[in-house]
Amino acid sequence: MKQLSILVTLLISLAVFSCKEKVQTEVTSNAITVNKVEVIDFHSTHRCMTCNAIEANTRYTLESYFAEELKNENITFLVVNVDDEENYSIAEKFEATGTALFLNVIVDGKETPIDLTDFAFLNGTDKEVFSKELKIKIDKELKKI
């Protein structure tokens, strides 16, 4: 009889803990999706003048034209060193092995990466042209969120 009591207690405990895990998973999967534009500047540890200019001009553009969007997190800015092991998964996701610039547009949980690397290298050292063109590209994507 004592063994039956232990078995029943064990089964009830197992059922309670199993249900608890299922509820937590369901709550997580029903979380509100945030629509936003991620601006991601990838770089390696050793950076050239153009690589530094891309980050500086991206930061300038965001702070000059999108301060409110940064504040309310409709836009986020990430600077990612691809050489840091902790950044491996995001670098792999965007296939970034060195300097690269991406917009990642997130709408209703669907991510659309836009590779701006060629644009960034061609215009990275011309602050005025870079900023003007990047602003146009971000404005276009903000309309989608």
Protein backbone atom coordinates (compact mmCIF):
# COMPACT_ATOMS: atom_id res chain seq x y z
CA MET A 1 0.00 0.00 0.00
CA LYS A 2 2.87 2.35 0.83
CA GLN A 3 4.43 1.75 -2.60
CA LEU A 4 1.10 2.57 -4.30
CA SER A 5 0.92 5.83 -2.33
CA ILE A 6 4.45 6.79 -3.40
CA LEU A 7 3.68 5.89 -7.02
CA VAL A 8 0.48 8.02 -7.02
CA THR A 9 2.35 10.95 -5.46
CA LEU A 10 5.11 10.62 -8.06
CA LEU A 11 2.63 10.53 -10.95
CA ILE A 12 0.72 13.56 -9.65
CA SER A 13 3.98 15.49 -9.22
CA LEU A 14 5.05 14.57 -12.74
CA ALA A 15 1.71 15.72 -14.15
CA VAL A 16 1.86 19.05 -12.28
CA PHE A 17 5.41 19.82 -13.41
CA SER A 18 4.65 18.78 -17.00
CA CYS A 19 1.67 21.13 -17.13
CA LYS A 20 3.72 23.95 -15.68
CA GLU A 21 6.32 23.62 -18.44
CA LYS A 22 3.62 23.56 -21.13
CA VAL A 23 1.96 26.73 -19.81
CA GLN A 24 5.27 28.61 -19.76
CA THR A 25 5.99 27.58 -23.36
CA GLU A 26 2.56 28.71 -24.52
CA VAL A 27 2.90 32.09 -22.82
CA THR A 28 6.29 32.61 -24.45
CA SER A 29 5.01 31.72 -27.91
CA ASN A 30 2.10 34.15 -27.59
CA ALA A 31 4.38 37.09 -26.75
CA ILE A 32 3.78 40.36 -28.56
CA THR A 33 5.94 40.71 -31.65
CA VAL A 34 7.84 43.98 -31.93
CA ASN A 35 8.06 45.55 -35.38
CA LYS A 36 11.33 47.41 -35.90
CA VAL A 37 14.30 48.10 -38.10
CA GLU A 38 17.61 46.79 -36.81
CA VAL A 39 20.69 48.54 -38.17
CA ILE A 40 23.60 46.16 -37.75
CA ASP A 41 27.21 47.20 -38.31
CA PHE A 42 29.52 44.19 -38.39
CA HIS A 43 33.29 44.59 -38.14
CA SER A 44 36.39 42.61 -37.31
CA THR A 45 38.82 43.44 -34.53
CA HIS A 46 41.29 45.18 -36.84
CA ARG A 47 39.48 47.96 -38.67
CA CYS A 48 40.49 50.18 -41.55
CA MET A 49 39.63 53.85 -42.03
CA THR A 50 36.57 53.00 -44.16
CA CYS A 51 35.29 50.49 -41.60
CA ASN A 52 35.51 53.09 -38.86
CA ALA A 53 33.85 55.69 -41.10
CA ILE A 54 30.92 53.34 -41.82
CA GLU A 55 30.19 53.03 -38.11
CA ALA A 56 30.67 56.74 -37.44
CA ASN A 57 28.49 57.81 -40.36
CA THR A 58 25.79 55.27 -39.52
CA ARG A 59 25.73 56.50 -35.93
CA TYR A 60 25.63 60.13 -37.14
CA THR A 61 22.70 59.40 -39.47
CA LEU A 62 20.72 57.58 -36.80
CA GLU A 63 21.31 60.23 -34.14
CA SER A 64 20.63 63.12 -36.54
CA TYR A 65 17.50 61.86 -38.28
CA PHE A 66 16.11 59.02 -36.19
CA ALA A 67 16.63 60.02 -32.56
CA GLU A 68 12.94 59.52 -31.71
CA GLU A 69 12.84 56.12 -33.40
CA LEU A 70 15.95 55.06 -31.49
CA LYS A 71 14.39 56.25 -28.26
CA ASN A 72 11.14 54.33 -28.77
CA GLU A 73 13.09 51.36 -30.23
CA ASN A 74 11.44 51.38 -33.66
CA ILE A 75 15.08 51.40 -34.73
CA THR A 76 17.91 49.64 -32.92
CA PHE A 77 21.61 49.97 -33.69
CA LEU A 78 23.96 47.06 -33.10
CA VAL A 79 27.72 47.16 -33.54
CA VAL A 80 28.98 43.59 -33.73
CA ASN A 81 32.59 42.39 -33.71
CA VAL A 82 32.54 39.19 -35.76
CA ASP A 83 35.79 38.05 -34.14
CA ASP A 84 34.18 37.79 -30.70
CA GLU A 85 33.03 34.25 -30.06
CA GLU A 86 29.87 35.52 -28.32
CA ASN A 87 28.77 37.08 -31.64
CA TYR A 88 29.19 33.92 -33.68
CA SER A 89 25.49 33.16 -34.08
CA ILE A 90 24.46 36.63 -35.28
CA ALA A 91 27.46 36.83 -37.64
CA GLU A 92 26.56 33.43 -39.03
CA LYS A 93 22.90 34.40 -39.40
CA PHE A 94 23.86 37.34 -41.63
CA GLU A 95 26.88 35.55 -43.15
CA ALA A 96 29.12 38.38 -41.97
CA THR A 97 32.82 37.54 -41.78
CA GLY A 98 34.15 41.08 -41.60
CA THR A 99 32.82 44.57 -42.20
CA ALA A 100 29.19 44.53 -43.32
CA LEU A 101 26.17 46.79 -42.90
CA PHE A 102 22.65 45.39 -42.73
CA LEU A 103 19.13 46.59 -42.16
CA ASN A 104 17.04 43.83 -40.63
CA VAL A 105 13.37 44.72 -41.01
CA ILE A 106 11.15 42.83 -38.55
CA VAL A 107 7.40 42.88 -39.27
CA ASP A 108 5.03 40.54 -37.43
CA GLY A 109 7.91 38.24 -36.51
CA LYS A 110 9.20 37.94 -40.09
CA GLU A 111 12.76 39.17 -40.61
CA THR A 112 13.92 40.62 -43.91
CA PRO A 113 17.66 41.32 -44.05
CA ILE A 114 18.86 44.00 -46.46
CA ASP A 115 22.57 43.94 -47.24
CA LEU A 116 23.97 47.47 -47.55
CA THR A 117 27.62 46.44 -47.50
CA ASP A 118 28.44 47.49 -51.07
CA PHE A 119 26.70 50.84 -50.53
CA ALA A 120 28.59 51.31 -47.26
CA PHE A 121 32.01 50.67 -48.79
CA LEU A 122 31.34 52.85 -51.83
CA ASN A 123 30.14 55.81 -49.75
CA GLY A 124 31.54 55.18 -46.29
CA THR A 125 34.10 57.96 -46.31
CA ASP A 126 31.73 60.62 -47.73
CA LYS A 127 29.64 61.55 -44.69
CA GLU A 128 27.15 63.70 -46.60
CA VAL A 129 26.39 61.19 -49.38
CA PHE A 130 26.41 58.24 -46.99
CA SER A 131 24.05 59.90 -44.53
CA LYS A 132 21.63 61.13 -47.19
CA GLU A 133 21.37 57.73 -48.88
CA LEU A 134 21.17 55.76 -45.64
CA LYS A 135 18.38 58.03 -44.43
CA ILE A 136 16.39 57.32 -47.61
CA LYS A 137 16.88 53.57 -47.21
CA ILE A 138 15.82 53.59 -43.55
CA ASP A 139 12.81 55.84 -44.22
CA LYS A 140 11.63 53.37 -46.88
CA GLU A 141 11.86 50.44 -44.47
CA LEU A 142 10.23 52.30 -41.57
CA LYS A 143 7.09 52.67 -43.68
CA LYS A 144 6.76 48.86 -43.63
CA ILE A 145 6.57 48.61 -39.87
